[in-house]
Protein backbone atom coordinates (compact mmCIF):
# COMPACT_ATOMS: atom_id res chain seq x y z
CA MET A 1 5.82 16.73 29.55
CA THR A 2 3.04 14.18 30.16
CA PHE A 3 -0.38 15.40 29.03
CA LEU A 4 -2.47 12.21 29.13
CA THR A 5 -1.85 9.70 31.92
CA ILE A 6 -3.44 6.26 32.18
CA SER A 7 -2.70 4.57 35.51
CA HIS A 8 -3.45 0.96 36.58
CA LEU A 9 -6.41 0.82 34.21
CA GLU A 10 -8.50 -2.35 34.33
CA LYS A 11 -11.75 -3.46 32.71
CA SER A 12 -13.69 -6.64 33.32
CA PHE A 13 -16.89 -7.85 31.71
CA GLY A 14 -18.19 -10.34 34.22
CA SER A 15 -15.34 -12.72 34.99
CA ASN A 16 -13.47 -11.76 31.79
CA ARG A 17 -10.61 -9.30 32.43
CA VAL A 18 -10.21 -7.51 29.10
CA VAL A 19 -7.66 -4.88 30.23
CA LYS A 20 -5.16 -5.67 32.99
CA ASP A 21 -3.20 -3.06 34.97
CA PHE A 22 -2.59 -0.87 31.92
CA ASP A 23 -0.25 2.13 32.31
CA LEU A 24 0.64 4.73 29.68
CA ASP A 25 1.97 8.31 29.71
CA ILE A 26 1.49 10.37 26.55
CA ALA A 27 3.15 13.72 25.93
CA LYS A 28 1.28 16.72 24.55
CA GLY A 29 1.15 16.51 20.76
CA GLU A 30 2.33 12.90 20.67
CA PHE A 31 0.87 10.31 18.26
CA VAL A 32 0.60 6.94 20.01
CA SER A 33 -0.76 3.76 18.41
CA LEU A 34 -2.33 0.85 20.26
CA LEU A 35 -1.40 -2.16 18.14
CA GLY A 36 -2.48 -5.75 18.59
CA PRO A 37 -4.73 -8.58 17.40
CA SER A 38 -8.50 -8.58 17.72
CA GLY A 39 -9.62 -9.04 21.31
CA CYS A 40 -6.39 -7.78 22.90
CA GLY A 41 -8.12 -4.85 24.67
CA LYS A 42 -6.92 -1.91 22.58
CA THR A 43 -10.38 -0.61 21.62
CA THR A 44 -11.59 -1.08 25.20
CA VAL A 45 -8.74 1.18 26.40
CA LEU A 46 -9.74 3.77 23.79
CA ARG A 47 -13.39 3.62 24.80
CA MET A 48 -12.47 4.11 28.47
CA VAL A 49 -10.44 7.21 27.56
CA ALA A 50 -13.43 8.47 25.54
CA GLY A 51 -15.87 7.75 28.38
CA PHE A 52 -17.93 5.13 26.55
CA GLU A 53 -16.78 2.45 29.00
CA THR A 54 -16.26 2.83 32.75
CA PRO A 55 -13.01 1.35 34.12
CA SER A 56 -13.27 -1.38 36.73
CA GLN A 57 -10.40 0.45 38.38
CA GLY A 58 -7.66 2.93 37.55
CA ALA A 59 -7.29 6.60 36.64
CA ILE A 60 -7.28 8.60 33.40
CA ARG A 61 -5.91 12.14 33.64
CA ILE A 62 -5.96 14.74 30.87
CA ASP A 63 -3.80 17.76 31.56
CA GLY A 64 -3.72 16.78 35.24
CA LYS A 65 -7.51 16.33 35.59
CA ASP A 66 -8.99 12.90 36.40
CA VAL A 67 -11.79 12.37 33.86
CA VAL A 68 -13.02 8.91 34.87
CA GLY A 69 -16.14 10.36 36.51
CA LEU A 70 -16.97 12.61 33.54
CA ARG A 71 -19.40 11.82 30.72
CA PRO A 72 -18.00 11.67 27.15
CA ASN A 73 -19.35 15.14 26.29
CA GLN A 74 -17.55 16.59 29.33
CA ARG A 75 -14.07 15.35 28.39
CA ASN A 76 -13.24 17.58 25.41
CA ILE A 77 -12.27 14.59 23.27
CA GLY A 78 -12.71 14.13 19.53
CA MET A 79 -13.31 10.61 18.22
CA VAL A 80 -13.23 9.11 14.73
CA PHE A 81 -14.84 5.70 14.27
CA GLN A 82 -14.16 2.91 11.80
CA ALA A 83 -17.66 3.20 10.28
CA TYR A 84 -17.56 7.01 9.72
CA ALA A 85 -20.76 7.52 11.80
CA LEU A 86 -21.82 10.55 9.76
CA PHE A 87 -25.42 11.72 9.94
CA PRO A 88 -26.91 10.72 6.54
CA ASN A 89 -29.62 13.43 6.64
CA LEU A 90 -27.08 16.24 7.19
CA THR A 91 -24.80 17.81 4.63
CA VAL A 92 -21.01 17.69 4.97
CA ALA A 93 -20.98 21.20 6.44
CA GLN A 94 -23.79 20.35 8.86
CA ASN A 95 -21.97 17.20 10.00
CA VAL A 96 -18.80 19.19 10.70
CA ALA A 97 -20.83 21.84 12.53
CA PHE A 98 -22.81 19.40 14.66
CA GLY A 99 -20.57 19.30 17.74
CA MET A 100 -20.20 23.07 17.78
CA LYS A 101 -23.98 23.53 17.61
CA VAL A 102 -24.41 21.19 20.56
CA LYS A 103 -21.95 23.38 22.48
CA GLY A 104 -24.04 26.44 21.60
CA LEU A 105 -21.32 28.37 19.77
CA PRO A 106 -22.32 31.49 17.79
CA ARG A 107 -23.38 30.92 14.18
CA ALA A 108 -20.60 33.09 12.75
CA GLU A 109 -17.95 31.17 14.70
CA ILE A 110 -19.40 27.85 13.56
CA ASP A 111 -19.46 28.90 9.89
CA SER A 112 -15.87 30.13 10.08
CA ARG A 113 -14.69 26.93 11.75
CA VAL A 114 -16.52 24.73 9.20
CA THR A 115 -14.79 26.55 6.36
CA GLU A 116 -11.45 26.15 8.13
CA MET A 117 -11.99 22.41 8.69
CA LEU A 118 -13.09 21.71 5.11
CA ASP A 119 -9.97 23.49 3.87
CA LEU A 120 -7.87 21.45 6.30
CA ILE A 121 -9.15 18.11 4.95
CA GLY A 122 -8.93 19.22 1.33
CA LEU A 123 -12.70 19.30 0.62
CA PRO A 124 -13.46 23.05 0.51
CA ASP A 125 -16.14 22.78 -2.19
CA LEU A 126 -18.10 19.78 -0.91
CA GLY A 127 -19.86 21.31 2.09
CA ALA A 128 -23.31 21.11 0.45
CA ARG A 129 -23.07 17.40 -0.41
CA PHE A 130 -24.54 14.57 1.62
CA PRO A 131 -22.47 11.61 2.88
CA PHE A 132 -23.89 9.20 0.28
CA GLN A 133 -22.45 11.46 -2.43
CA LEU A 134 -18.88 10.99 -1.12
CA SER A 135 -16.32 8.22 -1.45
CA GLY A 136 -15.25 6.25 1.62
CA GLY A 137 -12.05 8.25 1.90
CA GLN A 138 -13.93 11.54 1.67
CA GLN A 139 -16.41 10.44 4.32
CA GLN A 140 -13.61 9.57 6.71
CA ARG A 141 -12.03 12.99 6.10
CA VAL A 142 -15.35 14.58 7.05
CA ALA A 143 -15.51 12.44 10.20
CA LEU A 144 -12.02 13.67 11.08
CA ALA A 145 -13.02 17.29 10.46
CA ARG A 146 -16.09 16.88 12.69
CA ALA A 147 -13.92 15.48 15.50
CA LEU A 148 -11.39 18.31 15.20
CA ALA A 149 -13.92 21.12 14.78
CA VAL A 150 -14.65 21.32 18.53
CA ARG A 151 -10.93 21.85 19.29
CA PRO A 152 -10.53 18.73 21.43
CA GLN A 153 -7.64 18.23 23.82
CA VAL A 154 -7.24 14.62 22.69
CA LEU A 155 -8.05 12.94 19.36
CA LEU A 156 -9.04 9.25 19.40
CA LEU A 157 -8.99 7.19 16.20
CA ASP A 158 -10.58 3.73 16.31
CA GLU A 159 -9.30 1.81 13.25
CA PRO A 160 -10.47 4.64 10.97
CA LEU A 161 -8.81 3.23 7.84
CA SER A 162 -9.79 -0.44 7.95
CA ALA A 163 -12.94 0.00 5.81
CA LEU A 164 -11.01 1.63 2.96
CA ASP A 165 -9.21 0.03 0.05
CA ALA A 166 -5.42 -0.29 0.21
CA LYS A 167 -4.43 2.66 -1.99
CA ILE A 168 -6.77 5.13 -0.27
CA ARG A 169 -5.70 3.79 3.13
CA VAL A 170 -2.06 4.62 2.45
CA SER A 171 -2.75 8.15 1.20
CA LEU A 172 -5.22 8.93 4.00
CA ARG A 173 -2.91 7.78 6.78
CA MET A 174 -0.31 10.24 5.47
CA GLU A 175 -2.91 13.00 5.46
CA ILE A 176 -4.07 12.18 9.00
CA ARG A 177 -0.48 12.26 10.28
CA GLU A 178 0.22 15.56 8.52
CA ILE A 179 -2.93 17.16 9.98
CA GLN A 180 -2.09 15.82 13.45
CA ARG A 181 1.41 17.29 13.28
CA ARG A 182 0.11 20.61 11.98
CA LEU A 183 -2.40 20.94 14.82
CA GLY A 184 -0.12 19.44 17.47
CA ILE A 185 -3.01 17.47 18.96
CA THR A 186 -2.41 14.56 21.34
CA THR A 187 -3.62 11.44 19.53
CA ILE A 188 -4.31 7.77 20.26
CA PHE A 189 -4.72 5.58 17.19
CA VAL A 190 -6.06 2.00 17.42
CA THR A 191 -5.07 -0.45 14.71
CA HIS A 192 -4.30 -4.11 14.08
CA ASP A 193 -2.25 -3.14 11.00
CA GLN A 194 1.45 -3.12 11.88
CA GLU A 195 2.37 -1.09 8.79
CA GLU A 196 -0.01 1.69 9.83
CA ALA A 197 1.41 1.75 13.34
CA LEU A 198 5.04 1.69 12.20
CA SER A 199 4.60 4.43 9.60
CA MET A 200 2.41 6.85 11.58
CA SER A 201 3.41 6.68 15.24
CA ASP A 202 5.76 8.49 17.56
CA ARG A 203 5.40 5.48 19.86
CA ILE A 204 3.63 2.13 19.66
CA VAL A 205 1.97 0.15 22.45
CA VAL A 206 1.89 -3.52 21.46
CA MET A 207 -0.99 -5.17 23.32
CA ASN A 208 -1.70 -8.84 23.92
CA GLY A 209 -4.24 -10.38 26.25
CA GLY A 210 -5.15 -7.07 27.87
CA ILE A 211 -1.62 -6.01 28.75
CA ALA A 212 1.02 -3.81 27.13
CA GLU A 213 3.78 -6.21 26.06
CA GLN A 214 6.02 -3.36 24.88
CA VAL A 215 5.94 0.43 24.58
CA GLY A 216 8.51 2.09 22.35
CA THR A 217 9.26 3.95 19.16
CA PRO A 218 8.62 2.12 15.87
CA PHE A 219 12.40 1.61 15.57
CA GLU A 220 12.62 0.06 19.04
CA VAL A 221 9.57 -2.17 18.68
CA TYR A 222 10.66 -3.49 15.30
CA ASN A 223 14.39 -3.87 15.92
CA ARG A 224 14.41 -4.65 19.64
CA PRO A 225 11.23 -6.59 20.43
CA ALA A 226 10.88 -7.19 24.16
CA THR A 227 8.98 -10.49 23.90
CA LYS A 228 8.49 -13.34 21.47
CA PHE A 229 4.92 -12.16 20.84
CA VAL A 230 6.07 -8.67 19.81
CA ALA A 231 8.81 -10.11 17.60
CA ASN A 232 6.32 -12.32 15.77
CA PHE A 233 3.44 -9.84 15.59
CA VAL A 234 5.40 -6.84 14.31
CA GLY A 235 6.99 -7.58 10.94
CA THR A 236 8.12 -10.80 9.30
CA LEU A 237 10.45 -12.96 11.33
CA ASN A 238 12.81 -15.84 10.57
CA THR A 239 13.24 -18.03 13.66
CA PHE A 240 15.98 -20.54 14.45
CA ASP A 241 16.91 -22.95 17.22
CA ALA A 242 20.55 -22.33 18.18
CA LYS A 243 22.93 -24.06 20.56
CA VAL A 244 24.23 -22.10 23.56
CA GLU A 245 28.04 -22.40 23.79
CA ASN A 246 28.67 -19.80 26.52
CA ALA A 247 25.63 -17.93 27.87
CA SER A 248 27.47 -15.15 29.75
CA GLU A 249 29.64 -14.30 26.73
CA GLY A 250 26.75 -14.51 24.25
CA ARG A 251 28.38 -17.32 22.27
CA ILE A 252 26.04 -19.57 20.29
CA SER A 253 26.26 -21.79 17.24
CA LEU A 254 23.80 -22.14 14.41
CA ASP A 255 24.06 -25.22 12.22
CA GLY A 256 27.62 -25.68 13.51
CA VAL A 257 28.65 -22.10 12.69
CA ALA A 258 29.77 -20.12 15.77
CA MET A 259 28.86 -16.49 16.47
CA THR A 260 29.10 -14.11 19.42
CA LEU A 261 26.07 -11.94 20.15
CA PRO A 262 26.42 -8.42 21.59
CA ALA A 263 24.83 -9.49 24.90
CA ALA A 264 24.47 -12.52 27.13
CA VAL A 265 21.92 -15.19 26.23
CA PRO A 266 19.66 -17.26 28.50
CA THR A 267 21.34 -20.24 30.11
CA GLY A 268 20.47 -23.70 28.88
CA GLY A 269 21.37 -25.95 26.02
CA ARG A 270 19.28 -24.22 23.34
CA VAL A 271 18.01 -20.72 22.61
CA ALA A 272 15.42 -19.39 20.16
CA ILE A 273 16.79 -16.63 17.94
CA ALA A 274 15.35 -14.64 15.07
CA LEU A 275 16.34 -12.45 12.14
CA ARG A 276 14.33 -9.99 10.11
CA PRO A 277 14.32 -10.70 6.34
CA GLU A 278 16.41 -7.60 5.62
CA ALA A 279 19.13 -8.91 7.97
CA VAL A 280 19.68 -12.00 5.80
CA HIS A 281 21.70 -11.45 2.62
CA LEU A 282 21.75 -13.83 -0.34
CA GLY A 283 25.44 -14.58 -0.93
CA ARG A 284 28.45 -13.25 0.93
CA ALA A 285 28.50 -9.57 1.85
CA ALA A 286 30.93 -7.20 3.53
CA GLY A 287 30.19 -6.70 7.22
CA ARG A 288 28.25 -9.97 7.51
CA GLU A 289 30.63 -12.31 9.24
CA VAL A 290 28.36 -15.38 9.50
CA VAL A 291 27.97 -17.46 6.33
CA LEU A 292 25.55 -20.42 6.14
CA PRO A 293 24.74 -22.88 3.36
CA ALA A 294 21.23 -22.66 1.89
CA VAL A 295 18.94 -24.33 -0.61
CA ILE A 296 16.54 -22.12 -2.61
CA GLU A 297 12.92 -23.21 -1.98
CA ASP A 298 10.90 -20.51 -3.74
CA VAL A 299 11.41 -17.33 -5.75
CA HIS A 300 8.87 -14.54 -6.38
CA PHE A 301 9.75 -11.81 -8.88
CA MET A 302 8.12 -8.56 -7.71
CA GLY A 303 9.75 -5.98 -9.97
CA SER A 304 12.35 -4.02 -8.05
CA VAL A 305 12.55 -6.74 -5.39
CA ILE A 306 12.92 -10.50 -5.61
CA ARG A 307 11.45 -12.34 -2.64
CA VAL A 308 13.35 -15.55 -1.92
CA ARG A 309 12.58 -18.39 0.49
CA ALA A 310 15.48 -20.67 1.34
CA ARG A 311 16.16 -23.60 3.66
CA VAL A 312 18.82 -22.49 6.14
CA ALA A 313 19.88 -24.30 9.33
CA GLY A 314 16.74 -26.42 9.30
CA ALA A 315 14.42 -23.41 8.97
CA SER A 316 12.54 -21.86 6.07
CA VAL A 317 13.95 -18.34 5.73
CA ALA A 318 12.43 -15.35 3.91
CA LEU A 319 14.72 -12.71 2.44
CA ASP A 320 14.52 -9.97 -0.17
CA THR A 321 17.15 -9.11 -2.74
CA PHE A 322 17.13 -6.23 -5.21
CA ASN A 323 16.46 -6.98 -8.85
CA ARG A 324 19.47 -6.41 -11.08
CA ALA A 325 19.20 -6.65 -14.86
CA ASP A 326 22.66 -8.24 -15.10
CA SER A 327 21.99 -10.90 -12.43
CA PRO A 328 19.06 -13.32 -12.86
CA PRO A 329 17.29 -14.64 -9.74
CA PRO A 330 18.46 -17.96 -8.28
CA ALA A 331 16.82 -21.15 -9.47
CA VAL A 332 14.51 -23.12 -7.20
CA GLY A 333 16.36 -26.12 -5.80
CA SER A 334 19.81 -24.63 -6.33
CA SER A 335 22.46 -24.44 -3.63
CA ALA A 336 23.44 -21.02 -2.30
CA GLU A 337 24.91 -19.19 0.66
CA VAL A 338 23.37 -16.60 2.95
CA SER A 339 25.26 -14.20 5.18
CA LEU A 340 24.28 -12.31 8.28
CA SER A 341 25.74 -10.37 11.19
CA ALA A 342 25.54 -11.46 14.82
CA ARG A 343 24.55 -7.89 15.81
CA ASP A 344 21.25 -8.33 13.95
CA VAL A 345 20.25 -11.47 15.82
CA ILE A 346 17.20 -11.14 18.09
CA VAL A 347 17.08 -13.42 21.14
CA LEU A 348 13.49 -14.43 21.77
CA ASN A 349 12.34 -14.35 25.38
CA GLY A 350 8.86 -14.88 26.75
C-alpha cells in the first residue's frame, strides 16, 4: 500500500528546471534510493519532501495528507545530513534528545527514548561525550538516532556516508539498513554511489537531468536497464556495435558471429549492445553459445579474482575470472577466446 506519494513534482530556480514532472509512489516501510550524478536533482527532491524547498508545482502526500503547505517541523520527518549537523556544545544524549525537547515531551519519556536510541545505534555508554570526542562513524550514528528519536513517519538520508572512509562506510550502511528494517520506517536515501544503492535498496530511482530514467529493484535496474544512461551509470558495461540481421526476430551478428536475442531489436543496419563483465567468460563455457576470438590487453591479479581486459570485436572488454592455483592468468598480448550467451545481451536504447 502506498504511504508516500510524489506527483508531478517540479522545481525551477529561475529559468533552470532542476526537477521535471517527477512521480514516485513508496510503500510503507520501503527503502528507496535516489541514485544519480551530481546535479541530477535527487537532493532537491529530498529537500522538497523535507520541506526545505517549495515545489514549483506538484503534490507530496504522506499517509494520504498533502504536506506541501506545511513547514518542515510540521511534517513528522526525520533527516540525516551528509555533514552530521550535530550541535557541538551538546552531549550525545542532549543531541538525541533535542527534537523531543522541542516537541515538549515529558523529561522521563525523553530520557527513556534517549537510552533506547543509544542502544539501537550501539553506543549505550557514550551519552555523556561531545561530538568532537567521537569518530565520524559514531557521529553519523548519533545523527541517525536524533532523527529517529522523534518517531518520524518518514526518514530522509542525504548522502550520509560520503564523508566516511570506505571500510566504515560499508559497515555503517549495513547497520542503517538493519535499523531501518527493524523499525519498519519508510526511507528515502540519496546517493551517487551505485554500490550503496544496489546493496541497500528495495527499489532504486535512477535520476538524470531532473527526471527519473528508471524505477525498479536493484536486480531490474542492473540487469534490465531501461536506457543507455542507466546501463552506463549503474555498474561496469562492455559496449559493442553489432549488425542487425533480422530486427523482428532479434537476429544480430557481432564480428561475423550470429546470435539470436530473446526479443526484437530496433530496425536499422546497426545496433548498440552491451554486456556486464560477469556475462563474459574467458574461454569456452557450457551454456554460453557465442564464442569470439580475443587478444589479452591487460591483466590485474587481485587475489581471489583476476581482472582481465581483452580486445573483442573491436571493443575493449572487461571481465573477471576466478583465481585458480593450478591455472596461471593469461599473458598480455596472447590470443584467447571469450564466450557469452545471447540472453545476457543488453540492447541499448535512448
